[in-house]
Amino acid sequence: MSEIIFLSNVRLSFPHLAEPQKQINEATGKERVSYNCEFIMPQDHAGFQQFMQRYGALALEKWKEHAQTVMGMIHQDRKTRCYGRGEEKINKKTFQPYDGYAGHVFITAGRDTAPQMIQADGSPVDPANTMAYQQLARKMYGGCRVNAAVKPWPQDNKHGRGIRCDLIAVQ
């Protein structure tokens, strides 16, 4: 089973691809930089099914006989997982799911360096060519259809156990 999951024809949401999202840790005062976004897809999307299978295999490998218990704990706590049902993505002002999320599932992926950008014809953008990278990244707006490559990984550290997803590439 491949470590990288390919998501085809999914909707992009909350993209931070051209400019990273910057967050300040209130406890330490350190700034955290993250290129990230969410991918919205139908519940029966093949990429989501593959993601869930990979997550199960990673959990079994990481937590062995405790995998089912840990996965249950992760599933109960939205903050420990990078996936969810659209109905869980609630707008804090309206208390309703964000537009386009209801009836779907989503995967959140990110990384601290810019992900690989791939043009519509399949050719990669040279990361050293910042103008070409920025031009393509700015074309990717919330709601547009994209293809993406993500890589799930199990979190088990001082912040707890969870499932996270690295953002590898976006087309």
N, C-alpha and C. Protein backbone atom coordinates (compact mmCIF):
# COMPACT_ATOMS: atom_id res chain seq x y z
N MET A 1 0.85 -1.18 0.00
CA MET A 1 0.00 0.00 0.00
C MET A 1 0.89 1.24 0.00
N SER A 2 0.62 2.16 -0.89
CA SER A 2 1.42 3.38 -1.00
C SER A 2 1.18 4.29 0.20
N GLU A 3 2.23 4.98 0.61
CA GLU A 3 2.10 5.92 1.72
C GLU A 3 1.37 7.18 1.29
N ILE A 4 1.49 7.55 0.01
CA ILE A 4 0.86 8.77 -0.51
C ILE A 4 -0.51 8.45 -1.06
N ILE A 5 -1.47 9.28 -0.70
CA ILE A 5 -2.85 9.13 -1.17
C ILE A 5 -3.11 10.22 -2.21
N PHE A 6 -3.65 9.82 -3.35
CA PHE A 6 -3.98 10.78 -4.40
C PHE A 6 -5.47 11.07 -4.36
N LEU A 7 -5.79 12.34 -4.29
CA LEU A 7 -7.18 12.80 -4.26
C LEU A 7 -7.46 13.48 -5.59
N SER A 8 -8.37 12.91 -6.39
CA SER A 8 -8.68 13.47 -7.70
C SER A 8 -9.99 14.22 -7.66
N ASN A 9 -10.01 15.36 -8.34
CA ASN A 9 -11.23 16.14 -8.54
C ASN A 9 -11.94 16.43 -7.22
N VAL A 10 -11.21 17.03 -6.28
CA VAL A 10 -11.79 17.41 -4.99
C VAL A 10 -11.84 18.94 -4.92
N ARG A 11 -12.71 19.45 -4.04
CA ARG A 11 -12.83 20.89 -3.89
C ARG A 11 -11.85 21.40 -2.85
N LEU A 12 -11.17 22.47 -3.20
CA LEU A 12 -10.20 23.11 -2.32
C LEU A 12 -10.94 24.05 -1.37
N SER A 13 -10.53 24.08 -0.11
CA SER A 13 -11.16 24.96 0.86
C SER A 13 -10.11 25.53 1.81
N PHE A 14 -10.30 26.76 2.21
CA PHE A 14 -9.38 27.47 3.12
C PHE A 14 -7.92 27.30 2.71
N PRO A 15 -7.58 27.63 1.44
CA PRO A 15 -6.20 27.42 1.00
C PRO A 15 -5.23 28.47 1.54
N HIS A 16 -4.11 27.99 2.00
CA HIS A 16 -2.96 28.82 2.37
C HIS A 16 -1.78 28.24 1.59
N LEU A 17 -1.80 28.49 0.28
CA LEU A 17 -0.79 27.90 -0.61
C LEU A 17 0.18 28.96 -1.14
N ALA A 18 -0.33 30.13 -1.49
CA ALA A 18 0.54 31.19 -1.99
C ALA A 18 1.31 31.83 -0.84
N GLU A 19 0.62 32.07 0.25
CA GLU A 19 1.22 32.64 1.46
C GLU A 19 0.92 31.68 2.61
N PRO A 20 1.90 31.38 3.44
CA PRO A 20 1.64 30.46 4.56
C PRO A 20 0.77 31.12 5.64
N GLN A 21 0.07 30.29 6.36
CA GLN A 21 -0.70 30.76 7.51
C GLN A 21 0.29 30.91 8.66
N LYS A 22 0.19 32.02 9.38
CA LYS A 22 1.11 32.26 10.49
C LYS A 22 0.31 32.30 11.78
N GLN A 23 0.75 31.51 12.75
CA GLN A 23 0.09 31.45 14.05
C GLN A 23 1.14 31.63 15.13
N ILE A 24 0.75 32.35 16.19
CA ILE A 24 1.64 32.57 17.33
C ILE A 24 1.19 31.66 18.46
N ASN A 25 2.13 30.88 18.98
CA ASN A 25 1.86 30.03 20.13
C ASN A 25 1.80 30.94 21.35
N GLU A 26 0.63 31.01 22.00
CA GLU A 26 0.45 31.92 23.13
C GLU A 26 1.35 31.58 24.31
N ALA A 27 1.65 30.32 24.50
CA ALA A 27 2.48 29.90 25.64
C ALA A 27 3.95 30.26 25.44
N THR A 28 4.46 30.01 24.22
CA THR A 28 5.89 30.22 23.97
C THR A 28 6.20 31.51 23.23
N GLY A 29 5.21 32.05 22.53
CA GLY A 29 5.44 33.26 21.73
C GLY A 29 6.08 32.97 20.38
N LYS A 30 6.32 31.69 20.08
CA LYS A 30 6.94 31.31 18.81
C LYS A 30 5.91 31.37 17.68
N GLU A 31 6.39 31.79 16.50
CA GLU A 31 5.53 31.83 15.33
C GLU A 31 5.64 30.50 14.59
N ARG A 32 4.49 29.96 14.20
CA ARG A 32 4.44 28.71 13.43
C ARG A 32 3.94 29.05 12.04
N VAL A 33 4.65 28.61 11.02
CA VAL A 33 4.29 28.86 9.63
C VAL A 33 3.78 27.55 9.03
N SER A 34 2.64 27.63 8.32
CA SER A 34 2.08 26.42 7.75
C SER A 34 1.40 26.70 6.41
N TYR A 35 1.81 25.94 5.40
CA TYR A 35 1.09 25.92 4.12
C TYR A 35 0.05 24.82 4.29
N ASN A 36 -1.23 25.15 4.17
CA ASN A 36 -2.25 24.15 4.43
C ASN A 36 -3.54 24.45 3.67
N CYS A 37 -4.42 23.48 3.66
CA CYS A 37 -5.73 23.62 3.04
C CYS A 37 -6.58 22.41 3.40
N GLU A 38 -7.83 22.46 2.98
CA GLU A 38 -8.72 21.32 3.15
C GLU A 38 -9.21 20.88 1.79
N PHE A 39 -9.51 19.60 1.69
CA PHE A 39 -10.04 19.02 0.47
C PHE A 39 -11.41 18.42 0.80
N ILE A 40 -12.45 18.90 0.11
CA ILE A 40 -13.82 18.43 0.33
C ILE A 40 -14.18 17.46 -0.79
N MET A 41 -14.82 16.35 -0.41
CA MET A 41 -15.18 15.33 -1.40
C MET A 41 -16.43 14.58 -0.95
N PRO A 42 -17.09 13.88 -1.87
CA PRO A 42 -18.25 13.06 -1.48
C PRO A 42 -17.81 11.96 -0.51
N GLN A 43 -18.74 11.50 0.30
CA GLN A 43 -18.43 10.48 1.31
C GLN A 43 -17.91 9.19 0.70
N ASP A 44 -18.31 8.88 -0.53
CA ASP A 44 -17.89 7.63 -1.17
C ASP A 44 -16.68 7.83 -2.10
N HIS A 45 -15.98 8.94 -1.98
CA HIS A 45 -14.82 9.24 -2.83
C HIS A 45 -13.74 8.18 -2.62
N ALA A 46 -13.20 7.66 -3.72
CA ALA A 46 -12.19 6.59 -3.65
C ALA A 46 -10.95 7.03 -2.86
N GLY A 47 -10.54 8.28 -3.00
CA GLY A 47 -9.38 8.78 -2.27
C GLY A 47 -9.61 8.80 -0.77
N PHE A 48 -10.84 9.12 -0.35
CA PHE A 48 -11.15 9.14 1.09
C PHE A 48 -11.16 7.71 1.63
N GLN A 49 -11.69 6.77 0.84
CA GLN A 49 -11.70 5.37 1.26
C GLN A 49 -10.25 4.86 1.41
N GLN A 50 -9.40 5.23 0.47
CA GLN A 50 -7.99 4.83 0.52
C GLN A 50 -7.31 5.48 1.73
N PHE A 51 -7.64 6.74 2.02
CA PHE A 51 -7.08 7.44 3.18
C PHE A 51 -7.46 6.70 4.46
N MET A 52 -8.73 6.31 4.60
CA MET A 52 -9.18 5.63 5.82
C MET A 52 -8.52 4.26 5.96
N GLN A 53 -8.30 3.55 4.85
CA GLN A 53 -7.60 2.26 4.90
C GLN A 53 -6.15 2.46 5.35
N ARG A 54 -5.51 3.48 4.82
CA ARG A 54 -4.11 3.77 5.19
C ARG A 54 -4.03 4.16 6.66
N TYR A 55 -5.00 4.96 7.12
CA TYR A 55 -5.06 5.37 8.52
C TYR A 55 -5.18 4.15 9.42
N GLY A 56 -6.04 3.21 9.07
CA GLY A 56 -6.20 1.98 9.85
C GLY A 56 -4.90 1.17 9.91
N ALA A 57 -4.21 1.08 8.77
CA ALA A 57 -2.94 0.34 8.73
C ALA A 57 -1.87 1.04 9.57
N LEU A 58 -1.82 2.37 9.49
CA LEU A 58 -0.85 3.13 10.29
C LEU A 58 -1.11 2.97 11.78
N ALA A 59 -2.39 3.02 12.16
CA ALA A 59 -2.76 2.88 13.57
C ALA A 59 -2.38 1.50 14.09
N LEU A 60 -2.64 0.48 13.30
CA LEU A 60 -2.31 -0.89 13.70
C LEU A 60 -0.79 -1.06 13.86
N GLU A 61 -0.05 -0.48 12.94
CA GLU A 61 1.41 -0.54 12.99
C GLU A 61 1.95 0.23 14.21
N LYS A 62 1.36 1.39 14.50
CA LYS A 62 1.87 2.26 15.58
C LYS A 62 1.43 1.80 16.97
N TRP A 63 0.13 1.48 17.11
CA TRP A 63 -0.41 1.20 18.44
C TRP A 63 -0.74 -0.27 18.68
N LYS A 64 -0.40 -1.12 17.71
CA LYS A 64 -0.55 -2.57 17.81
C LYS A 64 -1.92 -2.99 18.35
N GLU A 65 -1.94 -3.73 19.49
CA GLU A 65 -3.21 -4.25 20.02
C GLU A 65 -4.12 -3.16 20.56
N HIS A 66 -3.62 -1.95 20.74
CA HIS A 66 -4.44 -0.84 21.25
C HIS A 66 -4.99 0.03 20.12
N ALA A 67 -4.75 -0.36 18.88
CA ALA A 67 -5.13 0.47 17.72
C ALA A 67 -6.61 0.83 17.72
N GLN A 68 -7.49 -0.14 17.95
CA GLN A 68 -8.93 0.15 17.91
C GLN A 68 -9.33 1.15 18.99
N THR A 69 -8.76 1.01 20.18
CA THR A 69 -9.06 1.93 21.28
C THR A 69 -8.57 3.33 20.95
N VAL A 70 -7.34 3.44 20.47
CA VAL A 70 -6.78 4.75 20.13
C VAL A 70 -7.56 5.38 18.98
N MET A 71 -7.91 4.60 17.96
CA MET A 71 -8.69 5.13 16.85
C MET A 71 -10.05 5.63 17.32
N GLY A 72 -10.66 4.95 18.27
CA GLY A 72 -11.92 5.41 18.84
C GLY A 72 -11.76 6.74 19.56
N MET A 73 -10.66 6.88 20.31
CA MET A 73 -10.39 8.15 21.00
C MET A 73 -10.15 9.27 19.99
N ILE A 74 -9.42 8.99 18.94
CA ILE A 74 -9.14 9.99 17.90
C ILE A 74 -10.45 10.39 17.21
N HIS A 75 -11.27 9.41 16.90
CA HIS A 75 -12.53 9.71 16.21
C HIS A 75 -13.46 10.58 17.07
N GLN A 76 -13.39 10.45 18.38
CA GLN A 76 -14.25 11.23 19.27
C GLN A 76 -13.77 12.66 19.47
N ASP A 77 -12.51 12.95 19.18
CA ASP A 77 -11.95 14.28 19.42
C ASP A 77 -11.52 14.92 18.11
N ARG A 78 -12.30 15.85 17.60
CA ARG A 78 -12.07 16.51 16.32
C ARG A 78 -10.66 17.14 16.23
N LYS A 79 -10.11 17.58 17.35
CA LYS A 79 -8.81 18.26 17.33
C LYS A 79 -7.64 17.30 17.12
N THR A 80 -7.88 16.00 17.24
CA THR A 80 -6.78 15.03 17.10
C THR A 80 -6.76 14.35 15.73
N ARG A 81 -7.60 14.82 14.81
CA ARG A 81 -7.65 14.17 13.50
C ARG A 81 -7.70 15.18 12.37
N CYS A 82 -7.23 14.76 11.23
CA CYS A 82 -7.15 15.63 10.05
C CYS A 82 -8.29 15.37 9.06
N TYR A 83 -9.28 14.65 9.47
CA TYR A 83 -10.41 14.34 8.59
C TYR A 83 -11.71 14.55 9.37
N GLY A 84 -12.81 14.60 8.64
CA GLY A 84 -14.08 14.72 9.34
C GLY A 84 -15.26 14.74 8.39
N ARG A 85 -16.44 14.71 8.97
CA ARG A 85 -17.69 14.86 8.23
C ARG A 85 -17.94 16.35 8.05
N GLY A 86 -18.50 16.72 6.94
CA GLY A 86 -18.75 18.13 6.65
C GLY A 86 -19.58 18.82 7.71
N GLU A 87 -20.49 18.09 8.33
CA GLU A 87 -21.35 18.67 9.36
C GLU A 87 -20.56 19.10 10.61
N GLU A 88 -19.34 18.62 10.75
CA GLU A 88 -18.50 19.00 11.89
C GLU A 88 -17.79 20.34 11.66
N LYS A 89 -17.72 20.80 10.43
CA LYS A 89 -17.01 22.03 10.09
C LYS A 89 -17.99 23.21 10.25
N ILE A 90 -18.08 23.71 11.48
CA ILE A 90 -19.09 24.71 11.85
C ILE A 90 -18.51 26.12 11.83
N ASN A 91 -19.26 27.04 11.21
CA ASN A 91 -18.93 28.46 11.21
C ASN A 91 -19.24 29.00 12.60
N LYS A 92 -18.26 29.61 13.27
CA LYS A 92 -18.43 30.07 14.65
C LYS A 92 -19.39 31.25 14.78
N LYS A 93 -19.71 31.91 13.67
CA LYS A 93 -20.65 33.04 13.71
C LYS A 93 -22.09 32.59 13.50
N THR A 94 -22.29 31.68 12.55
CA THR A 94 -23.66 31.26 12.22
C THR A 94 -24.06 29.94 12.88
N PHE A 95 -23.09 29.21 13.41
CA PHE A 95 -23.30 27.89 14.01
C PHE A 95 -23.90 26.89 13.03
N GLN A 96 -23.63 27.10 11.75
CA GLN A 96 -24.06 26.20 10.68
C GLN A 96 -22.81 25.67 9.98
N PRO A 97 -22.92 24.50 9.34
CA PRO A 97 -21.76 24.01 8.57
C PRO A 97 -21.42 25.02 7.46
N TYR A 98 -20.13 25.15 7.16
CA TYR A 98 -19.72 26.03 6.08
C TYR A 98 -20.36 25.56 4.78
N ASP A 99 -20.59 26.52 3.86
CA ASP A 99 -21.18 26.20 2.56
C ASP A 99 -20.36 25.13 1.85
N GLY A 100 -21.05 24.15 1.31
CA GLY A 100 -20.39 23.10 0.55
C GLY A 100 -19.87 21.92 1.36
N TYR A 101 -19.91 22.02 2.69
CA TYR A 101 -19.39 20.94 3.52
C TYR A 101 -20.44 19.88 3.85
N ALA A 102 -21.67 20.30 4.10
CA ALA A 102 -22.72 19.36 4.52
C ALA A 102 -22.87 18.23 3.50
N GLY A 103 -22.97 17.01 4.01
CA GLY A 103 -23.14 15.84 3.16
C GLY A 103 -21.85 15.33 2.55
N HIS A 104 -20.73 15.96 2.88
CA HIS A 104 -19.44 15.56 2.34
C HIS A 104 -18.48 15.21 3.48
N VAL A 105 -17.27 14.83 3.12
CA VAL A 105 -16.18 14.60 4.07
C VAL A 105 -15.02 15.51 3.64
N PHE A 106 -14.08 15.70 4.56
CA PHE A 106 -12.93 16.53 4.23
C PHE A 106 -11.67 15.98 4.86
N ILE A 107 -10.54 16.34 4.25
CA ILE A 107 -9.22 16.03 4.78
C ILE A 107 -8.45 17.34 4.84
N THR A 108 -7.84 17.61 5.98
CA THR A 108 -6.99 18.79 6.17
C THR A 108 -5.54 18.34 6.06
N ALA A 109 -4.75 19.05 5.27
CA ALA A 109 -3.34 18.70 5.11
C ALA A 109 -2.50 19.97 5.15
N GLY A 110 -1.28 19.83 5.63
CA GLY A 110 -0.40 20.99 5.70
C GLY A 110 1.05 20.57 5.85
N ARG A 111 1.92 21.57 5.80
CA ARG A 111 3.35 21.37 6.00
C ARG A 111 4.00 22.71 6.26
N ASP A 112 5.23 22.69 6.75
CA ASP A 112 5.89 23.96 7.07
C ASP A 112 6.66 24.56 5.89
N THR A 113 6.79 23.82 4.80
CA THR A 113 7.39 24.35 3.58
C THR A 113 6.36 24.27 2.46
N ALA A 114 6.56 25.07 1.44
CA ALA A 114 5.60 25.12 0.34
C ALA A 114 5.48 23.75 -0.35
N PRO A 115 4.25 23.30 -0.62
CA PRO A 115 4.08 22.01 -1.31
C PRO A 115 4.45 22.13 -2.79
N GLN A 116 4.65 21.00 -3.43
CA GLN A 116 4.92 20.98 -4.88
C GLN A 116 3.66 21.45 -5.61
N MET A 117 3.82 22.36 -6.53
CA MET A 117 2.71 22.82 -7.38
C MET A 117 2.87 22.18 -8.74
N ILE A 118 1.76 21.68 -9.28
CA ILE A 118 1.80 21.00 -10.57
C ILE A 118 0.81 21.70 -11.50
N GLN A 119 1.26 22.03 -12.68
CA GLN A 119 0.41 22.73 -13.65
C GLN A 119 -0.65 21.78 -14.20
N ALA A 120 -1.64 22.35 -14.86
CA ALA A 120 -2.76 21.56 -15.40
C ALA A 120 -2.28 20.48 -16.37
N ASP A 121 -1.18 20.73 -17.08
CA ASP A 121 -0.67 19.74 -18.04
C ASP A 121 0.16 18.65 -17.37
N GLY A 122 0.31 18.71 -16.06
CA GLY A 122 1.05 17.68 -15.33
C GLY A 122 2.51 18.01 -15.08
N SER A 123 2.98 19.13 -15.59
CA SER A 123 4.39 19.49 -15.38
C SER A 123 4.55 20.22 -14.05
N PRO A 124 5.57 19.84 -13.27
CA PRO A 124 5.79 20.49 -11.98
C PRO A 124 6.38 21.89 -12.15
N VAL A 125 6.06 22.75 -11.20
CA VAL A 125 6.64 24.09 -11.18
C VAL A 125 7.92 24.02 -10.37
N ASP A 126 8.99 24.57 -10.89
CA ASP A 126 10.26 24.60 -10.18
C ASP A 126 10.09 25.48 -8.93
N PRO A 127 10.28 24.92 -7.72
CA PRO A 127 10.09 25.71 -6.50
C PRO A 127 11.01 26.93 -6.42
N ALA A 128 12.14 26.88 -7.12
CA ALA A 128 13.05 28.02 -7.13
C ALA A 128 12.49 29.18 -7.95
N ASN A 129 11.56 28.89 -8.84
CA ASN A 129 10.93 29.93 -9.66
C ASN A 129 9.73 30.47 -8.88
N THR A 130 10.01 31.38 -7.97
CA THR A 130 8.94 31.86 -7.07
C THR A 130 7.81 32.56 -7.81
N MET A 131 8.11 33.23 -8.91
CA MET A 131 7.03 33.91 -9.65
C MET A 131 6.06 32.90 -10.24
N ALA A 132 6.57 31.85 -10.86
CA ALA A 132 5.69 30.82 -11.44
C ALA A 132 4.91 30.11 -10.34
N TYR A 133 5.59 29.82 -9.21
CA TYR A 133 4.92 29.17 -8.08
C TYR A 133 3.77 30.03 -7.58
N GLN A 134 4.06 31.31 -7.32
CA GLN A 134 3.04 32.23 -6.80
C GLN A 134 1.88 32.38 -7.79
N GLN A 135 2.20 32.48 -9.07
CA GLN A 135 1.15 32.65 -10.08
C GLN A 135 0.18 31.47 -10.06
N LEU A 136 0.71 30.26 -9.99
CA LEU A 136 -0.14 29.08 -9.97
C LEU A 136 -0.89 28.96 -8.64
N ALA A 137 -0.20 29.20 -7.54
CA ALA A 137 -0.82 29.08 -6.22
C ALA A 137 -1.98 30.05 -6.06
N ARG A 138 -1.86 31.25 -6.61
CA ARG A 138 -2.93 32.24 -6.49
C ARG A 138 -4.15 31.91 -7.34
N LYS A 139 -3.98 31.04 -8.33
CA LYS A 139 -5.12 30.59 -9.14
C LYS A 139 -5.97 29.57 -8.39
N MET A 140 -5.41 29.01 -7.33
CA MET A 140 -6.12 27.98 -6.57
C MET A 140 -6.88 28.64 -5.42
N TYR A 141 -8.15 28.90 -5.67
CA TYR A 141 -9.00 29.60 -4.71
C TYR A 141 -9.93 28.60 -4.02
N GLY A 142 -10.47 28.99 -2.90
CA GLY A 142 -11.44 28.14 -2.20
C GLY A 142 -12.64 27.86 -3.08
N GLY A 143 -12.94 26.59 -3.28
CA GLY A 143 -14.08 26.18 -4.11
C GLY A 143 -13.66 25.60 -5.44
N CYS A 144 -12.42 25.85 -5.89
CA CYS A 144 -12.00 25.31 -7.18
C CYS A 144 -11.70 23.82 -7.05
N ARG A 145 -11.71 23.14 -8.17
CA ARG A 145 -11.42 21.70 -8.21
C ARG A 145 -9.94 21.48 -8.42
N VAL A 146 -9.37 20.58 -7.65
CA VAL A 146 -7.95 20.28 -7.74
C VAL A 146 -7.71 18.78 -7.61
N ASN A 147 -6.51 18.37 -7.94
CA ASN A 147 -5.99 17.05 -7.61
C ASN A 147 -4.92 17.29 -6.56
N ALA A 148 -4.76 16.35 -5.65
CA ALA A 148 -3.77 16.56 -4.58
C ALA A 148 -3.13 15.24 -4.18
N ALA A 149 -1.96 15.36 -3.59
CA ALA A 149 -1.26 14.21 -3.01
C ALA A 149 -1.03 14.53 -1.54
N VAL A 150 -1.48 13.63 -0.66
CA VAL A 150 -1.33 13.82 0.78
C VAL A 150 -0.72 12.55 1.38
N LYS A 151 -0.13 12.71 2.56
CA LYS A 151 0.50 11.56 3.21
C LYS A 151 0.12 11.56 4.69
N PRO A 152 -0.77 10.64 5.10
CA PRO A 152 -1.15 10.58 6.52
C PRO A 152 -0.03 10.01 7.38
N TRP A 153 -0.01 10.44 8.65
CA TRP A 153 0.97 9.92 9.60
C TRP A 153 0.39 9.96 11.01
N PRO A 154 0.77 9.00 11.84
CA PRO A 154 0.25 8.96 13.21
C PRO A 154 1.04 9.89 14.13
N GLN A 155 0.30 10.66 14.91
CA GLN A 155 0.93 11.54 15.91
C GLN A 155 0.90 10.83 17.24
N ASP A 156 2.03 10.80 17.92
CA ASP A 156 2.10 10.22 19.26
C ASP A 156 3.24 10.94 19.98
N ASN A 157 2.89 12.06 20.63
CA ASN A 157 3.91 12.88 21.29
C ASN A 157 3.31 13.56 22.52
N LYS A 158 4.00 14.57 23.05
CA LYS A 158 3.52 15.26 24.25
C LYS A 158 2.18 15.95 24.05
N HIS A 159 1.79 16.19 22.80
CA HIS A 159 0.51 16.82 22.49
C HIS A 159 -0.62 15.80 22.36
N GLY A 160 -0.30 14.52 22.46
CA GLY A 160 -1.31 13.48 22.39
C GLY A 160 -1.19 12.59 21.16
N ARG A 161 -2.18 11.73 21.02
CA ARG A 161 -2.22 10.82 19.87
C ARG A 161 -3.23 11.35 18.87
N GLY A 162 -2.91 11.16 17.60
CA GLY A 162 -3.82 11.63 16.57
C GLY A 162 -3.39 11.14 15.21
N ILE A 163 -4.12 11.59 14.19
CA ILE A 163 -3.76 11.29 12.81
C ILE A 163 -3.66 12.63 12.09
N ARG A 164 -2.54 12.86 11.44
CA ARG A 164 -2.27 14.10 10.73
C ARG A 164 -1.96 13.79 9.27
N CYS A 165 -1.88 14.84 8.45
CA CYS A 165 -1.68 14.64 7.03
C CYS A 165 -0.73 15.68 6.47
N ASP A 166 0.34 15.23 5.81
CA ASP A 166 1.26 16.13 5.14
C ASP A 166 0.71 16.46 3.75
N LEU A 167 0.86 17.71 3.35
CA LEU A 167 0.45 18.16 2.02
C LEU A 167 1.66 18.01 1.10
N ILE A 168 1.59 17.10 0.15
CA ILE A 168 2.72 16.81 -0.73
C ILE A 168 2.68 17.67 -1.99
N ALA A 169 1.55 17.65 -2.70
CA ALA A 169 1.45 18.38 -3.98
C ALA A 169 0.00 18.74 -4.28
N VAL A 170 -0.15 19.80 -5.09
CA VAL A 170 -1.48 20.23 -5.52
C VAL A 170 -1.41 20.56 -7.02
N GLN A 171 -2.43 20.12 -7.76
CA GLN A 171 -2.51 20.41 -9.20
C GLN A 171 -3.85 21.08 -9.47
